Amino acid sequence: MTGSNRNQAERTRVLIVDDHPLVRESVKRIVQQQRDLEVCGEAEDREHALALLAGSQPHLVVLDLSLKDSHGTELIKSIRDQFPEVLILVLSMHDEFVYAERAVRAGAHGYITKDEAVSRILSAIRCVLSGEIYWSEKAAARVASKFTRPSRHPGNHSIDSLTDREMQVFELIGVGQSTRQVAAALHIDPSTVETYRSRIKEKLQLKSASELLQFAIRWSNDIRQ
């Protein structure tokens, strides 16, 4: 599925994966307005997305990180494993500082937030299709800042030590969600959430649930400043 296999009359096929119909329609409109691009399918969850990938053979997947049946980073990894030739652009409301670098490490080729202008979203699509990694200026600056700013984490331990799933739990704790709410959001058992909370406390050298909550909220506020 390379450029050499496509003739000039064939449009680049784009698959849209988002659990919000209005977002899918908005992205579809952006893509369909381009003479060389076409939407070959839409999905709201991981299972449907993988089925469409096998059937419609898209060149590019534009996906959100919040899906009905899983987190987008899990879908990214599945795509990289099963369809390594497919390009991936993340279009999400999740904070870039939290997930842009993680998404690229998982296998994405770019990351852009939904609050960007239509022209920037289209530029991100073009950038990824050209074979480059797309970073917004904001994301690039924030990732770079990690290497220049002293760590504000207890014991000098960074949240980068957290796995993707631990990071998802940590972020939800930071916006005030309870164990049951986190479990519902991530489609896992409350007991599993408690296991992740224990691992997070250990990695960040936090002594109690209260200390974890306070730190998670403070961190959540910091990254949004």
C-alpha atoms as a PDB file:
ATOM      1  CA  MET A   1       0.000   0.000   0.000  1.00  0.00           C
ATOM      2  CA  THR A   2       2.719   2.446  -1.024  1.00  0.00           C
ATOM      3  CA  GLY A   3       2.648   5.443  -3.307  1.00  0.00           C
ATOM      4  CA  SER A   4       4.149   3.388  -6.128  1.00  0.00           C
ATOM      5  CA  ASN A   5       1.116   1.105  -6.043  1.00  0.00           C
ATOM      6  CA  ARG A   6      -1.411   3.894  -6.483  1.00  0.00           C
ATOM      7  CA  ASN A   7      -2.170   5.559  -9.787  1.00  0.00           C
ATOM      8  CA  GLN A   8      -2.879   9.258 -10.082  1.00  0.00           C
ATOM      9  CA  ALA A   9      -6.640   8.763 -10.353  1.00  0.00           C
ATOM     10  CA  GLU A  10      -6.819   6.891  -7.062  1.00  0.00           C
ATOM     11  CA  ARG A  11      -7.567   8.971  -3.995  1.00  0.00           C
ATOM     12  CA  THR A  12      -5.824   8.499  -0.681  1.00  0.00           C
ATOM     13  CA  ARG A  13      -8.205   6.590   1.567  1.00  0.00           C
ATOM     14  CA  VAL A  14      -8.812   7.902   5.086  1.00  0.00           C
ATOM     15  CA  LEU A  15     -10.476   6.013   7.931  1.00  0.00           C
ATOM     16  CA  ILE A  16     -11.975   8.108  10.753  1.00  0.00           C
ATOM     17  CA  VAL A  17     -12.176   6.613  14.249  1.00  0.00           C
ATOM     18  CA  ASP A  18     -13.974   8.668  16.903  1.00  0.00           C
ATOM     19  CA  ASP A  19     -16.796   7.922  19.313  1.00  0.00           C
ATOM     20  CA  HIS A  20     -18.548  11.232  18.620  1.00  0.00           C
ATOM     21  CA  PRO A  21     -20.686  11.301  15.419  1.00  0.00           C
ATOM     22  CA  LEU A  22     -20.401  15.082  15.082  1.00  0.00           C
ATOM     23  CA  VAL A  23     -16.604  14.909  15.178  1.00  0.00           C
ATOM     24  CA  ARG A  24     -16.565  12.166  12.560  1.00  0.00           C
ATOM     25  CA  GLU A  25     -18.834  14.237  10.333  1.00  0.00           C
ATOM     26  CA  SER A  26     -16.628  17.316  10.750  1.00  0.00           C
ATOM     27  CA  VAL A  27     -13.442  15.429   9.853  1.00  0.00           C
ATOM     28  CA  LYS A  28     -15.225  13.718   6.977  1.00  0.00           C
ATOM     29  CA  ARG A  29     -16.236  17.087   5.562  1.00  0.00           C
ATOM     30  CA  ILE A  30     -12.633  18.336   5.751  1.00  0.00           C
ATOM     31  CA  VAL A  31     -11.316  15.255   3.965  1.00  0.00           C
ATOM     32  CA  GLN A  32     -14.020  15.042   1.286  1.00  0.00           C
ATOM     33  CA  GLN A  33     -13.375  18.631   0.230  1.00  0.00           C
ATOM     34  CA  GLN A  34      -9.925  17.568  -0.985  1.00  0.00           C
ATOM     35  CA  ARG A  35      -9.763  16.238  -4.538  1.00  0.00           C
ATOM     36  CA  ASP A  36      -7.075  13.689  -3.727  1.00  0.00           C
ATOM     37  CA  LEU A  37      -8.566  12.374  -0.458  1.00  0.00           C
ATOM     38  CA  GLU A  38     -11.625  10.295   0.360  1.00  0.00           C
ATOM     39  CA  VAL A  39     -13.175   8.804   3.490  1.00  0.00           C
ATOM     40  CA  CYS A  40     -13.313   5.022   3.158  1.00  0.00           C
ATOM     41  CA  GLY A  41     -14.999   4.337   6.486  1.00  0.00           C
ATOM     42  CA  GLU A  42     -15.948   5.490   9.976  1.00  0.00           C
ATOM     43  CA  ALA A  43     -15.766   3.689  13.320  1.00  0.00           C
ATOM     44  CA  GLU A  44     -16.509   4.503  16.943  1.00  0.00           C
ATOM     45  CA  ASP A  45     -14.568   1.703  18.610  1.00  0.00           C
ATOM     46  CA  ARG A  46     -11.477  -0.483  18.296  1.00  0.00           C
ATOM     47  CA  GLU A  47     -13.231  -3.634  17.081  1.00  0.00           C
ATOM     48  CA  HIS A  48     -15.064  -1.886  14.236  1.00  0.00           C
ATOM     49  CA  ALA A  49     -11.943   0.081  13.308  1.00  0.00           C
ATOM     50  CA  LEU A  50      -9.826  -3.062  12.933  1.00  0.00           C
ATOM     51  CA  ALA A  51     -12.535  -4.697  10.823  1.00  0.00           C
ATOM     52  CA  LEU A  52     -12.632  -1.680   8.509  1.00  0.00           C
ATOM     53  CA  LEU A  53      -8.848  -1.606   8.292  1.00  0.00           C
ATOM     54  CA  ALA A  54      -8.902  -5.144   6.964  1.00  0.00           C
ATOM     55  CA  GLY A  55     -11.737  -4.485   4.537  1.00  0.00           C
ATOM     56  CA  SER A  56     -11.267  -0.953   3.217  1.00  0.00           C
ATOM     57  CA  GLN A  57      -7.440  -0.817   3.360  1.00  0.00           C
ATOM     58  CA  PRO A  58      -7.019   2.869   4.259  1.00  0.00           C
ATOM     59  CA  HIS A  59      -3.737   4.688   3.746  1.00  0.00           C
ATOM     60  CA  LEU A  60      -4.333   6.918   6.792  1.00  0.00           C
ATOM     61  CA  VAL A  61      -6.277   6.522  10.033  1.00  0.00           C
ATOM     62  CA  VAL A  62      -7.388   9.663  11.885  1.00  0.00           C
ATOM     63  CA  LEU A  63      -8.293   8.577  15.397  1.00  0.00           C
ATOM     64  CA  ASP A  64      -9.245   9.897  18.803  1.00  0.00           C
ATOM     65  CA  LEU A  65      -7.780   8.587  22.044  1.00  0.00           C
ATOM     66  CA  SER A  66     -11.186   8.261  23.726  1.00  0.00           C
ATOM     67  CA  LEU A  67     -13.075   5.360  22.202  1.00  0.00           C
ATOM     68  CA  LYS A  68     -16.100   3.386  23.360  1.00  0.00           C
ATOM     69  CA  ASP A  69     -14.313   0.122  24.038  1.00  0.00           C
ATOM     70  CA  SER A  70     -10.685   1.070  24.670  1.00  0.00           C
ATOM     71  CA  HIS A  71      -8.085   3.819  24.829  1.00  0.00           C
ATOM     72  CA  GLY A  72      -6.721   5.031  21.513  1.00  0.00           C
ATOM     73  CA  THR A  73      -3.135   4.125  22.357  1.00  0.00           C
ATOM     74  CA  GLU A  74      -4.200   0.483  22.450  1.00  0.00           C
ATOM     75  CA  LEU A  75      -5.698   0.805  18.969  1.00  0.00           C
ATOM     76  CA  ILE A  76      -2.530   2.503  17.716  1.00  0.00           C
ATOM     77  CA  LYS A  77      -0.448  -0.453  18.887  1.00  0.00           C
ATOM     78  CA  SER A  78      -2.858  -2.901  17.255  1.00  0.00           C
ATOM     79  CA  ILE A  79      -2.681  -1.028  13.954  1.00  0.00           C
ATOM     80  CA  ARG A  80       1.112  -0.957  14.035  1.00  0.00           C
ATOM     81  CA  ASP A  81       1.190  -4.708  14.693  1.00  0.00           C
ATOM     82  CA  GLN A  82      -1.467  -5.769  12.168  1.00  0.00           C
ATOM     83  CA  PHE A  83      -1.239  -3.048   9.505  1.00  0.00           C
ATOM     84  CA  PRO A  84       2.292  -1.588   9.739  1.00  0.00           C
ATOM     85  CA  GLU A  85       2.023   0.225   6.407  1.00  0.00           C
ATOM     86  CA  VAL A  86      -0.957   2.341   7.542  1.00  0.00           C
ATOM     87  CA  LEU A  87      -0.258   5.906   8.688  1.00  0.00           C
ATOM     88  CA  ILE A  88      -1.853   7.184  11.905  1.00  0.00           C
ATOM     89  CA  LEU A  89      -2.774  10.722  12.941  1.00  0.00           C
ATOM     90  CA  VAL A  90      -4.202  11.301  16.411  1.00  0.00           C
ATOM     91  CA  LEU A  91      -6.882  13.997  16.608  1.00  0.00           C
ATOM     92  CA  SER A  92      -7.871  14.364  20.238  1.00  0.00           C
ATOM     93  CA  MET A  93      -8.956  16.658  23.053  1.00  0.00           C
ATOM     94  CA  HIS A  94      -6.410  15.049  25.391  1.00  0.00           C
ATOM     95  CA  ASP A  95      -3.627  17.395  26.441  1.00  0.00           C
ATOM     96  CA  GLU A  96      -0.660  17.191  24.082  1.00  0.00           C
ATOM     97  CA  PHE A  97       1.865  17.279  26.913  1.00  0.00           C
ATOM     98  CA  VAL A  98       0.335  14.122  28.361  1.00  0.00           C
ATOM     99  CA  TYR A  99      -0.225  12.026  25.261  1.00  0.00           C
ATOM    100  CA  ALA A 100       1.490  13.399  22.141  1.00  0.00           C
ATOM    101  CA  GLU A 101       4.854  11.773  22.848  1.00  0.00           C
ATOM    102  CA  ARG A 102       3.202   8.588  24.130  1.00  0.00           C
ATOM    103  CA  ALA A 103       1.047   8.329  21.005  1.00  0.00           C
ATOM    104  CA  VAL A 104       4.080   8.674  18.744  1.00  0.00           C
ATOM    105  CA  ARG A 105       6.000   6.106  20.784  1.00  0.00           C
ATOM    106  CA  ALA A 106       3.027   3.750  20.404  1.00  0.00           C
ATOM    107  CA  GLY A 107       3.245   4.106  16.622  1.00  0.00           C
ATOM    108  CA  ALA A 108       1.332   7.241  15.615  1.00  0.00           C
ATOM    109  CA  HIS A 109       2.796   9.544  12.964  1.00  0.00           C
ATOM    110  CA  GLY A 110       1.325  12.757  14.326  1.00  0.00           C
ATOM    111  CA  TYR A 111      -0.763  14.375  17.040  1.00  0.00           C
ATOM    112  CA  ILE A 112      -3.077  17.382  16.895  1.00  0.00           C
ATOM    113  CA  THR A 113      -5.838  18.606  19.188  1.00  0.00           C
ATOM    114  CA  LYS A 114      -9.446  19.101  18.127  1.00  0.00           C
ATOM    115  CA  ASP A 115      -9.425  22.792  19.024  1.00  0.00           C
ATOM    116  CA  GLU A 116      -7.029  23.576  16.178  1.00  0.00           C
ATOM    117  CA  ALA A 117      -8.263  25.381  13.072  1.00  0.00           C
ATOM    118  CA  VAL A 118      -9.438  23.322  10.100  1.00  0.00           C
ATOM    119  CA  SER A 119      -6.434  24.490   8.094  1.00  0.00           C
ATOM    120  CA  ARG A 120      -4.042  23.113  10.713  1.00  0.00           C
ATOM    121  CA  ILE A 121      -5.826  19.781  10.855  1.00  0.00           C
ATOM    122  CA  LEU A 122      -5.518  19.513   7.100  1.00  0.00           C
ATOM    123  CA  SER A 123      -1.837  20.499   7.327  1.00  0.00           C
ATOM    124  CA  ALA A 124      -1.311  17.729   9.859  1.00  0.00           C
ATOM    125  CA  ILE A 125      -2.931  15.216   7.505  1.00  0.00           C
ATOM    126  CA  ARG A 126      -0.733  16.400   4.623  1.00  0.00           C
ATOM    127  CA  CYS A 127       2.377  16.274   6.800  1.00  0.00           C
ATOM    128  CA  VAL A 128       1.760  12.680   7.858  1.00  0.00           C
ATOM    129  CA  LEU A 129       0.923  11.615   4.302  1.00  0.00           C
ATOM    130  CA  SER A 130       4.230  13.099   3.143  1.00  0.00           C
ATOM    131  CA  GLY A 131       6.065  10.727   5.454  1.00  0.00           C
ATOM    132  CA  GLU A 132       6.881  13.144   8.263  1.00  0.00           C
ATOM    133  CA  ILE A 133       5.932  13.201  11.943  1.00  0.00           C
ATOM    134  CA  TYR A 134       3.511  15.999  12.791  1.00  0.00           C
ATOM    135  CA  TRP A 135       4.008  17.913  16.042  1.00  0.00           C
ATOM    136  CA  SER A 136       2.245  21.173  16.796  1.00  0.00           C
ATOM    137  CA  GLU A 137       4.549  23.948  17.992  1.00  0.00           C
ATOM    138  CA  LYS A 138       2.937  23.691  21.410  1.00  0.00           C
ATOM    139  CA  ALA A 139       3.552  19.957  21.684  1.00  0.00           C
ATOM    140  CA  ALA A 140       7.135  20.240  20.454  1.00  0.00           C
ATOM    141  CA  ALA A 141       7.887  23.001  22.970  1.00  0.00           C
ATOM    142  CA  ARG A 142       6.355  21.102  25.862  1.00  0.00           C
ATOM    143  CA  VAL A 143       8.176  17.869  25.036  1.00  0.00           C
ATOM    144  CA  ALA A 144      11.438  19.801  24.760  1.00  0.00           C
ATOM    145  CA  SER A 145      10.779  21.518  28.085  1.00  0.00           C
ATOM    146  CA  LYS A 146      10.919  18.177  29.884  1.00  0.00           C
ATOM    147  CA  PHE A 147      14.638  18.104  29.186  1.00  0.00           C
ATOM    148  CA  THR A 148      15.304  21.649  30.401  1.00  0.00           C
ATOM    149  CA  ARG A 149      13.039  22.071  33.453  1.00  0.00           C
ATOM    150  CA  PRO A 150      13.872  20.472  36.805  1.00  0.00           C
ATOM    151  CA  SER A 151      11.503  17.685  37.783  1.00  0.00           C
ATOM    152  CA  ARG A 152       8.702  18.706  40.130  1.00  0.00           C
ATOM    153  CA  HIS A 153       7.906  15.113  41.044  1.00  0.00           C
ATOM    154  CA  PRO A 154       8.470  13.545  44.490  1.00  0.00           C
ATOM    155  CA  GLY A 155      11.782  11.750  44.828  1.00  0.00           C
ATOM    156  CA  ASN A 156      12.763  13.165  41.425  1.00  0.00           C
ATOM    157  CA  HIS A 157      10.632  10.428  39.810  1.00  0.00           C
ATOM    158  CA  SER A 158       8.951  11.400  36.565  1.00  0.00           C
ATOM    159  CA  ILE A 159       5.503  10.397  35.348  1.00  0.00           C
ATOM    160  CA  ASP A 160       7.357   9.093  32.294  1.00  0.00           C
ATOM    161  CA  SER A 161       7.997   5.993  34.390  1.00  0.00           C
ATOM    162  CA  LEU A 162       4.268   5.195  34.255  1.00  0.00           C
ATOM    163  CA  THR A 163       2.938   2.795  31.646  1.00  0.00           C
ATOM    164  CA  ASP A 164       0.254   4.009  29.239  1.00  0.00           C
ATOM    165  CA  ARG A 165      -2.505   2.427  31.336  1.00  0.00           C
ATOM    166  CA  GLU A 166      -1.082   3.814  34.582  1.00  0.00           C
ATOM    167  CA  MET A 167      -0.915   7.220  32.927  1.00  0.00           C
ATOM    168  CA  GLN A 168      -4.594   6.968  31.958  1.00  0.00           C
ATOM    169  CA  VAL A 169      -5.541   6.126  35.551  1.00  0.00           C
ATOM    170  CA  PHE A 170      -3.317   8.902  36.917  1.00  0.00           C
ATOM    171  CA  GLU A 171      -4.841  11.491  34.607  1.00  0.00           C
ATOM    172  CA  LEU A 172      -8.392  10.510  35.574  1.00  0.00           C
ATOM    173  CA  ILE A 173      -7.479  10.709  39.265  1.00  0.00           C
ATOM    174  CA  GLY A 174      -6.150  14.191  38.551  1.00  0.00           C
ATOM    175  CA  VAL A 175      -9.540  15.389  37.336  1.00  0.00           C
ATOM    176  CA  GLY A 176     -11.228  14.078  40.460  1.00  0.00           C
ATOM    177  CA  GLN A 177     -12.633  10.739  39.341  1.00  0.00           C
ATOM    178  CA  SER A 178     -13.208   8.008  41.918  1.00  0.00           C
ATOM    179  CA  THR A 179     -12.010   4.424  41.567  1.00  0.00           C
ATOM    180  CA  ARG A 180     -15.396   3.327  40.228  1.00  0.00           C
ATOM    181  CA  GLN A 181     -15.512   6.221  37.765  1.00  0.00           C
ATOM    182  CA  VAL A 182     -12.004   5.412  36.511  1.00  0.00           C
ATOM    183  CA  ALA A 183     -12.994   1.757  36.138  1.00  0.00           C
ATOM    184  CA  ALA A 184     -16.067   2.677  34.121  1.00  0.00           C
ATOM    185  CA  ALA A 185     -14.127   5.075  31.894  1.00  0.00           C
ATOM    186  CA  LEU A 186     -11.434   2.496  31.111  1.00  0.00           C
ATOM    187  CA  HIS A 187     -13.739  -0.547  31.018  1.00  0.00           C
ATOM    188  CA  ILE A 188     -11.841  -2.392  33.742  1.00  0.00           C
ATOM    189  CA  ASP A 189     -12.666  -3.710  37.209  1.00  0.00           C
ATOM    190  CA  PRO A 190     -12.389  -1.399  40.262  1.00  0.00           C
ATOM    191  CA  SER A 191      -9.966  -3.900  41.794  1.00  0.00           C
ATOM    192  CA  THR A 192      -7.722  -3.474  38.748  1.00  0.00           C
ATOM    193  CA  VAL A 193      -7.817   0.290  39.214  1.00  0.00           C
ATOM    194  CA  GLU A 194      -6.691  -0.190  42.818  1.00  0.00           C
ATOM    195  CA  THR A 195      -3.760  -2.252  41.568  1.00  0.00           C
ATOM    196  CA  TYR A 196      -2.773   0.537  39.195  1.00  0.00           C
ATOM    197  CA  ARG A 197      -3.122   3.114  41.979  1.00  0.00           C
ATOM    198  CA  SER A 198      -0.720   1.088  44.122  1.00  0.00           C
ATOM    199  CA  ARG A 199       1.797   0.855  41.292  1.00  0.00           C
ATOM    200  CA  ILE A 200       1.541   4.594  40.623  1.00  0.00           C
ATOM    201  CA  LYS A 201       2.138   5.421  44.287  1.00  0.00           C
ATOM    202  CA  GLU A 202       5.169   3.156  44.346  1.00  0.00           C
ATOM    203  CA  LYS A 203       6.686   4.609  41.154  1.00  0.00           C
ATOM    204  CA  LEU A 204       6.116   8.210  42.230  1.00  0.00           C
ATOM    205  CA  GLN A 205       7.096   7.500  45.855  1.00  0.00           C
ATOM    206  CA  LEU A 206       3.751   8.637  47.227  1.00  0.00           C
ATOM    207  CA  LYS A 207       2.746   7.288  50.634  1.00  0.00           C
ATOM    208  CA  SER A 208      -1.061   7.484  50.678  1.00  0.00           C
ATOM    209  CA  ALA A 209      -4.199   7.753  48.567  1.00  0.00           C
ATOM    210  CA  SER A 210      -4.593  11.338  49.748  1.00  0.00           C
ATOM    211  CA  GLU A 211      -1.056  12.224  48.670  1.00  0.00           C
ATOM    212  CA  LEU A 212      -1.689  10.591  45.284  1.00  0.00           C
ATOM    213  CA  LEU A 213      -4.902  12.563  44.798  1.00  0.00           C
ATOM    214  CA  GLN A 214      -3.297  15.875  45.762  1.00  0.00           C
ATOM    215  CA  PHE A 215      -0.294  15.303  43.527  1.00  0.00           C
ATOM    216  CA  ALA A 216      -2.409  14.145  40.576  1.00  0.00           C
ATOM    217  CA  ILE A 217      -4.641  17.218  40.829  1.00  0.00           C
ATOM    218  CA  ARG A 218      -1.636  19.559  41.135  1.00  0.00           C
ATOM    219  CA  TRP A 219       0.043  17.902  38.145  1.00  0.00           C
ATOM    220  CA  SER A 220      -3.180  18.098  36.115  1.00  0.00           C
ATOM    221  CA  ASN A 221      -3.439  21.821  36.830  1.00  0.00           C
ATOM    222  CA  ASP A 222       0.247  22.408  36.000  1.00  0.00           C
ATOM    223  CA  ILE A 223       0.104  20.907  32.511  1.00  0.00           C
ATOM    224  CA  ARG A 224      -2.904  23.028  31.583  1.00  0.00           C
ATOM    225  CA  GLN A 225      -1.225  26.311  32.471  1.00  0.00           C
END
